[in-house]
Amino acid sequence: MTQVTESQKRGILLSEAALQQVKSLRDKQNQDLCLRVGVRQGGCSGMSYIMDFEDVSKITPNDEVFDYDGFKIVSDRKSLLYLYGLMLDYSDAMIGGGFQFTNPNAAQTCGCGKSFGV
């Protein structure tokens, strides 16, 4: 796992590698986008992570917003109950690469690491 960015006081933590990757992906879309992170029912362990870019105009007063050097990560409060303290990392390894979720709230995770149970 790579180094965590500056502030440790955020509900969703990003490694420097993950921050650079999401900024790079956002820049390719040429729009002012934030990254929405949440959970939904499903997956092999009961709950699945969701993560997608969204226009910043869709941020609501019920969302929690975490700022990383001008890049916003957004999560609805219900999802944040399951995600608080989540560490999002990124690896460009050929096998097992991509975004990885380390969730201190998860009692179990599936083999692929994209779903969890509490």
N, C-alpha and C. Protein backbone atom coordinates (compact mmCIF):
# COMPACT_ATOMS: atom_id res chain seq x y z
N MET A 1 0.85 -1.17 0.00
CA MET A 1 0.00 0.00 0.00
C MET A 1 0.90 1.23 0.00
N THR A 2 0.52 2.25 -0.73
CA THR A 2 1.32 3.45 -0.82
C THR A 2 0.94 4.45 0.26
N GLN A 3 1.74 5.48 0.39
CA GLN A 3 1.56 6.51 1.42
C GLN A 3 0.20 7.21 1.31
N VAL A 4 -0.40 7.50 2.45
CA VAL A 4 -1.66 8.24 2.51
C VAL A 4 -1.36 9.72 2.30
N THR A 5 -2.26 10.41 1.60
CA THR A 5 -2.09 11.85 1.42
C THR A 5 -2.24 12.58 2.75
N GLU A 6 -1.84 13.84 2.78
CA GLU A 6 -1.73 14.69 3.95
C GLU A 6 -2.69 14.42 5.10
N SER A 7 -3.95 14.77 4.95
CA SER A 7 -4.86 14.75 6.10
C SER A 7 -5.36 13.35 6.41
N GLN A 8 -5.22 12.99 7.68
CA GLN A 8 -5.74 11.71 8.15
C GLN A 8 -7.14 11.87 8.74
N LYS A 9 -7.72 13.06 8.66
CA LYS A 9 -8.99 13.36 9.30
C LYS A 9 -10.16 13.24 8.33
N ARG A 10 -10.02 12.49 7.31
CA ARG A 10 -11.08 12.35 6.32
C ARG A 10 -11.77 11.00 6.48
N GLY A 11 -13.02 10.98 6.14
CA GLY A 11 -13.78 9.74 6.26
C GLY A 11 -13.39 8.72 5.22
N ILE A 12 -12.93 9.18 4.07
CA ILE A 12 -12.44 8.28 3.02
C ILE A 12 -11.01 8.72 2.70
N LEU A 13 -10.08 7.80 2.87
CA LEU A 13 -8.67 8.09 2.67
C LEU A 13 -8.23 7.63 1.29
N LEU A 14 -7.33 8.39 0.69
CA LEU A 14 -6.77 8.05 -0.62
C LEU A 14 -5.27 7.95 -0.53
N SER A 15 -4.71 6.92 -1.11
CA SER A 15 -3.26 6.88 -1.23
C SER A 15 -2.86 7.87 -2.33
N GLU A 16 -1.62 8.24 -2.35
CA GLU A 16 -1.13 9.14 -3.39
C GLU A 16 -1.33 8.52 -4.77
N ALA A 17 -1.11 7.21 -4.89
CA ALA A 17 -1.29 6.51 -6.17
C ALA A 17 -2.75 6.58 -6.63
N ALA A 18 -3.69 6.38 -5.71
CA ALA A 18 -5.12 6.44 -6.05
C ALA A 18 -5.51 7.85 -6.45
N LEU A 19 -5.00 8.84 -5.73
CA LEU A 19 -5.32 10.23 -6.06
C LEU A 19 -4.82 10.58 -7.46
N GLN A 20 -3.61 10.19 -7.78
CA GLN A 20 -3.07 10.49 -9.11
C GLN A 20 -3.87 9.78 -10.20
N GLN A 21 -4.30 8.55 -9.94
CA GLN A 21 -5.07 7.80 -10.94
C GLN A 21 -6.44 8.42 -11.18
N VAL A 22 -7.16 8.78 -10.10
CA VAL A 22 -8.50 9.36 -10.31
C VAL A 22 -8.40 10.73 -10.96
N LYS A 23 -7.37 11.50 -10.61
CA LYS A 23 -7.18 12.80 -11.27
C LYS A 23 -6.89 12.61 -12.76
N SER A 24 -6.08 11.62 -13.08
CA SER A 24 -5.76 11.34 -14.48
C SER A 24 -7.01 10.92 -15.26
N LEU A 25 -7.81 10.04 -14.67
CA LEU A 25 -9.04 9.59 -15.33
C LEU A 25 -10.03 10.74 -15.51
N ARG A 26 -10.14 11.59 -14.49
CA ARG A 26 -11.04 12.74 -14.58
C ARG A 26 -10.57 13.71 -15.66
N ASP A 27 -9.27 13.99 -15.72
CA ASP A 27 -8.73 14.94 -16.69
C ASP A 27 -9.00 14.49 -18.13
N LYS A 28 -9.06 13.20 -18.36
CA LYS A 28 -9.35 12.68 -19.71
C LYS A 28 -10.78 12.98 -20.13
N GLN A 29 -11.66 13.24 -19.17
CA GLN A 29 -13.07 13.51 -19.49
C GLN A 29 -13.34 14.98 -19.73
N ASN A 30 -12.35 15.83 -19.43
CA ASN A 30 -12.45 17.27 -19.74
C ASN A 30 -13.68 17.94 -19.13
N GLN A 31 -14.06 17.54 -17.92
CA GLN A 31 -15.21 18.13 -17.23
C GLN A 31 -14.87 18.31 -15.76
N ASP A 32 -15.62 19.17 -15.07
CA ASP A 32 -15.44 19.36 -13.64
C ASP A 32 -16.21 18.26 -12.92
N LEU A 33 -15.53 17.18 -12.59
CA LEU A 33 -16.16 16.02 -12.00
C LEU A 33 -15.60 15.73 -10.61
N CYS A 34 -16.45 15.14 -9.78
CA CYS A 34 -16.00 14.63 -8.49
C CYS A 34 -16.11 13.10 -8.55
N LEU A 35 -15.57 12.44 -7.55
CA LEU A 35 -15.66 10.99 -7.48
C LEU A 35 -16.66 10.63 -6.39
N ARG A 36 -17.74 9.95 -6.78
CA ARG A 36 -18.74 9.51 -5.82
C ARG A 36 -18.42 8.07 -5.43
N VAL A 37 -18.32 7.85 -4.12
CA VAL A 37 -18.04 6.52 -3.58
C VAL A 37 -19.19 6.15 -2.66
N GLY A 38 -19.67 4.92 -2.78
CA GLY A 38 -20.79 4.49 -1.95
C GLY A 38 -20.86 2.98 -1.88
N VAL A 39 -21.97 2.51 -1.35
CA VAL A 39 -22.22 1.07 -1.25
C VAL A 39 -23.64 0.78 -1.72
N ARG A 40 -23.87 -0.45 -2.10
CA ARG A 40 -25.21 -0.92 -2.44
C ARG A 40 -25.30 -2.39 -2.03
N GLN A 41 -26.52 -2.86 -1.88
CA GLN A 41 -26.74 -4.27 -1.56
C GLN A 41 -26.30 -5.11 -2.75
N GLY A 42 -25.65 -6.22 -2.47
CA GLY A 42 -25.25 -7.14 -3.53
C GLY A 42 -23.79 -7.55 -3.39
N GLY A 43 -23.32 -8.29 -4.36
CA GLY A 43 -21.96 -8.80 -4.30
C GLY A 43 -21.90 -10.09 -3.53
N CYS A 44 -20.77 -10.75 -3.57
CA CYS A 44 -20.65 -12.06 -2.92
C CYS A 44 -20.69 -12.00 -1.40
N SER A 45 -20.38 -10.85 -0.82
CA SER A 45 -20.34 -10.75 0.64
C SER A 45 -21.48 -9.92 1.24
N GLY A 46 -22.41 -9.47 0.41
CA GLY A 46 -23.58 -8.76 0.93
C GLY A 46 -23.68 -7.31 0.51
N MET A 47 -22.54 -6.60 0.43
CA MET A 47 -22.55 -5.20 0.02
C MET A 47 -21.43 -4.99 -0.99
N SER A 48 -21.70 -4.17 -2.01
CA SER A 48 -20.70 -3.88 -3.04
C SER A 48 -20.32 -2.41 -3.00
N TYR A 49 -19.08 -2.15 -3.32
CA TYR A 49 -18.63 -0.77 -3.45
C TYR A 49 -19.08 -0.22 -4.79
N ILE A 50 -19.45 1.05 -4.81
CA ILE A 50 -19.70 1.73 -6.07
C ILE A 50 -18.79 2.95 -6.12
N MET A 51 -18.33 3.26 -7.31
CA MET A 51 -17.40 4.36 -7.48
C MET A 51 -17.54 4.84 -8.92
N ASP A 52 -17.84 6.14 -9.08
CA ASP A 52 -18.00 6.68 -10.42
C ASP A 52 -17.83 8.19 -10.38
N PHE A 53 -17.48 8.75 -11.51
CA PHE A 53 -17.40 10.20 -11.62
C PHE A 53 -18.79 10.78 -11.75
N GLU A 54 -18.94 12.01 -11.24
CA GLU A 54 -20.23 12.67 -11.27
C GLU A 54 -19.98 14.18 -11.36
N ASP A 55 -20.87 14.88 -12.03
CA ASP A 55 -20.76 16.33 -12.13
C ASP A 55 -20.88 16.93 -10.73
N VAL A 56 -20.03 17.91 -10.42
CA VAL A 56 -20.04 18.51 -9.08
C VAL A 56 -21.37 19.19 -8.77
N SER A 57 -22.16 19.53 -9.77
CA SER A 57 -23.46 20.15 -9.53
C SER A 57 -24.45 19.18 -8.87
N LYS A 58 -24.14 17.89 -8.86
CA LYS A 58 -25.04 16.89 -8.27
C LYS A 58 -24.75 16.63 -6.79
N ILE A 59 -23.76 17.34 -6.23
CA ILE A 59 -23.49 17.22 -4.80
C ILE A 59 -24.66 17.84 -4.04
N THR A 60 -25.19 17.11 -3.07
CA THR A 60 -26.35 17.59 -2.30
C THR A 60 -25.93 17.94 -0.87
N PRO A 61 -26.79 18.64 -0.15
CA PRO A 61 -26.49 18.95 1.26
C PRO A 61 -26.39 17.69 2.13
N ASN A 62 -26.94 16.56 1.67
CA ASN A 62 -26.86 15.31 2.43
C ASN A 62 -25.59 14.53 2.15
N ASP A 63 -24.72 15.04 1.31
CA ASP A 63 -23.45 14.39 0.98
C ASP A 63 -22.34 14.89 1.89
N GLU A 64 -21.39 14.02 2.15
CA GLU A 64 -20.14 14.41 2.80
C GLU A 64 -19.13 14.59 1.68
N VAL A 65 -18.37 15.67 1.74
CA VAL A 65 -17.40 15.98 0.69
C VAL A 65 -16.02 16.04 1.33
N PHE A 66 -15.07 15.33 0.73
CA PHE A 66 -13.68 15.31 1.18
C PHE A 66 -12.83 15.89 0.06
N ASP A 67 -12.05 16.90 0.39
CA ASP A 67 -11.26 17.59 -0.62
C ASP A 67 -9.81 17.12 -0.59
N TYR A 68 -9.31 16.72 -1.72
CA TYR A 68 -7.92 16.31 -1.90
C TYR A 68 -7.29 17.20 -2.95
N ASP A 69 -6.62 18.24 -2.51
CA ASP A 69 -5.92 19.15 -3.43
C ASP A 69 -6.84 19.63 -4.55
N GLY A 70 -8.07 20.00 -4.21
CA GLY A 70 -9.02 20.50 -5.20
C GLY A 70 -9.85 19.41 -5.87
N PHE A 71 -9.54 18.16 -5.62
CA PHE A 71 -10.33 17.04 -6.17
C PHE A 71 -11.27 16.57 -5.08
N LYS A 72 -12.56 16.50 -5.39
CA LYS A 72 -13.56 16.17 -4.39
C LYS A 72 -13.98 14.70 -4.46
N ILE A 73 -14.03 14.08 -3.28
CA ILE A 73 -14.59 12.75 -3.12
C ILE A 73 -15.89 12.95 -2.36
N VAL A 74 -16.97 12.35 -2.84
CA VAL A 74 -18.30 12.56 -2.29
C VAL A 74 -18.90 11.21 -1.90
N SER A 75 -19.58 11.21 -0.77
CA SER A 75 -20.30 10.01 -0.34
C SER A 75 -21.57 10.42 0.36
N ASP A 76 -22.66 9.71 0.09
CA ASP A 76 -23.89 9.97 0.83
C ASP A 76 -23.69 9.47 2.26
N ARG A 77 -24.40 10.05 3.19
CA ARG A 77 -24.19 9.75 4.61
C ARG A 77 -24.52 8.30 4.97
N LYS A 78 -25.50 7.73 4.30
CA LYS A 78 -25.85 6.33 4.59
C LYS A 78 -24.69 5.41 4.21
N SER A 79 -24.11 5.63 3.03
CA SER A 79 -22.96 4.82 2.62
C SER A 79 -21.78 5.04 3.55
N LEU A 80 -21.60 6.28 3.99
CA LEU A 80 -20.46 6.61 4.83
C LEU A 80 -20.48 5.85 6.16
N LEU A 81 -21.67 5.44 6.60
CA LEU A 81 -21.75 4.60 7.80
C LEU A 81 -20.94 3.32 7.63
N TYR A 82 -20.88 2.81 6.41
CA TYR A 82 -20.16 1.58 6.11
C TYR A 82 -18.74 1.84 5.60
N LEU A 83 -18.48 3.08 5.20
CA LEU A 83 -17.21 3.38 4.55
C LEU A 83 -16.25 4.22 5.39
N TYR A 84 -16.70 4.74 6.52
CA TYR A 84 -15.85 5.66 7.27
C TYR A 84 -14.51 5.00 7.61
N GLY A 85 -13.44 5.64 7.22
CA GLY A 85 -12.10 5.09 7.44
C GLY A 85 -11.58 4.27 6.27
N LEU A 86 -12.38 4.14 5.22
CA LEU A 86 -11.99 3.38 4.03
C LEU A 86 -10.70 3.94 3.44
N MET A 87 -9.78 3.07 3.08
CA MET A 87 -8.56 3.46 2.38
C MET A 87 -8.67 2.97 0.95
N LEU A 88 -8.63 3.90 0.01
CA LEU A 88 -8.68 3.58 -1.41
C LEU A 88 -7.26 3.68 -1.95
N ASP A 89 -6.76 2.59 -2.47
CA ASP A 89 -5.41 2.54 -3.01
C ASP A 89 -5.48 2.14 -4.48
N TYR A 90 -4.38 2.30 -5.19
CA TYR A 90 -4.33 1.93 -6.60
C TYR A 90 -3.00 1.28 -6.89
N SER A 91 -3.05 0.22 -7.68
CA SER A 91 -1.84 -0.46 -8.12
C SER A 91 -1.93 -0.70 -9.61
N ASP A 92 -0.81 -0.52 -10.31
CA ASP A 92 -0.80 -0.80 -11.75
C ASP A 92 -0.17 -2.15 -12.05
N ALA A 93 -0.16 -3.04 -11.07
CA ALA A 93 0.36 -4.39 -11.27
C ALA A 93 -0.46 -5.12 -12.33
N MET A 94 0.21 -5.95 -13.11
CA MET A 94 -0.49 -6.66 -14.18
C MET A 94 -1.49 -7.67 -13.63
N ILE A 95 -1.16 -8.30 -12.51
CA ILE A 95 -2.08 -9.24 -11.87
C ILE A 95 -2.49 -8.62 -10.54
N GLY A 96 -3.78 -8.45 -10.34
CA GLY A 96 -4.28 -7.90 -9.09
C GLY A 96 -4.23 -6.38 -9.03
N GLY A 97 -3.98 -5.74 -10.16
CA GLY A 97 -3.90 -4.28 -10.18
C GLY A 97 -5.28 -3.65 -10.20
N GLY A 98 -5.30 -2.34 -10.12
CA GLY A 98 -6.53 -1.57 -10.11
C GLY A 98 -6.76 -0.95 -8.75
N PHE A 99 -7.97 -0.50 -8.50
CA PHE A 99 -8.30 0.11 -7.22
C PHE A 99 -8.53 -0.98 -6.18
N GLN A 100 -8.02 -0.75 -4.99
CA GLN A 100 -8.20 -1.68 -3.88
C GLN A 100 -8.83 -0.94 -2.71
N PHE A 101 -9.79 -1.59 -2.07
CA PHE A 101 -10.52 -1.02 -0.94
C PHE A 101 -10.07 -1.72 0.33
N THR A 102 -9.63 -0.96 1.31
CA THR A 102 -9.33 -1.50 2.64
C THR A 102 -10.30 -0.82 3.59
N ASN A 103 -11.27 -1.60 4.05
CA ASN A 103 -12.37 -1.06 4.83
C ASN A 103 -12.31 -1.59 6.26
N PRO A 104 -12.05 -0.70 7.24
CA PRO A 104 -11.97 -1.15 8.63
C PRO A 104 -13.32 -1.61 9.19
N ASN A 105 -14.42 -1.32 8.51
CA ASN A 105 -15.75 -1.70 8.97
C ASN A 105 -16.18 -3.07 8.47
N ALA A 106 -15.42 -3.65 7.56
CA ALA A 106 -15.80 -4.93 6.95
C ALA A 106 -15.44 -6.09 7.87
N ALA A 107 -16.42 -6.93 8.17
CA ALA A 107 -16.18 -8.13 8.95
C ALA A 107 -15.69 -9.25 8.04
N GLN A 108 -16.05 -9.17 6.76
CA GLN A 108 -15.61 -10.16 5.78
C GLN A 108 -15.53 -9.48 4.41
N THR A 109 -14.67 -9.99 3.57
CA THR A 109 -14.56 -9.49 2.19
C THR A 109 -14.52 -10.69 1.27
N CYS A 110 -14.88 -10.45 0.01
CA CYS A 110 -14.83 -11.53 -0.95
C CYS A 110 -13.43 -11.59 -1.55
N GLY A 111 -13.17 -12.60 -2.32
CA GLY A 111 -11.84 -12.80 -2.92
C GLY A 111 -11.44 -11.69 -3.87
N CYS A 112 -12.39 -11.10 -4.56
CA CYS A 112 -12.05 -10.05 -5.53
C CYS A 112 -11.83 -8.71 -4.84
N GLY A 113 -12.29 -8.56 -3.59
CA GLY A 113 -12.10 -7.33 -2.85
C GLY A 113 -13.07 -6.22 -3.20
N LYS A 114 -14.09 -6.51 -4.00
CA LYS A 114 -15.04 -5.48 -4.42
C LYS A 114 -16.35 -5.52 -3.66
N SER A 115 -16.49 -6.48 -2.75
CA SER A 115 -17.67 -6.52 -1.91
C SER A 115 -17.27 -6.92 -0.49
N PHE A 116 -18.15 -6.65 0.46
CA PHE A 116 -17.83 -6.89 1.86
C PHE A 116 -19.11 -7.14 2.66
N GLY A 117 -18.94 -7.62 3.86
CA GLY A 117 -20.06 -7.80 4.79
C GLY A 117 -19.71 -7.18 6.12
N VAL A 118 -20.74 -6.77 6.84
CA VAL A 118 -20.51 -6.15 8.16
C VAL A 118 -21.13 -6.99 9.26
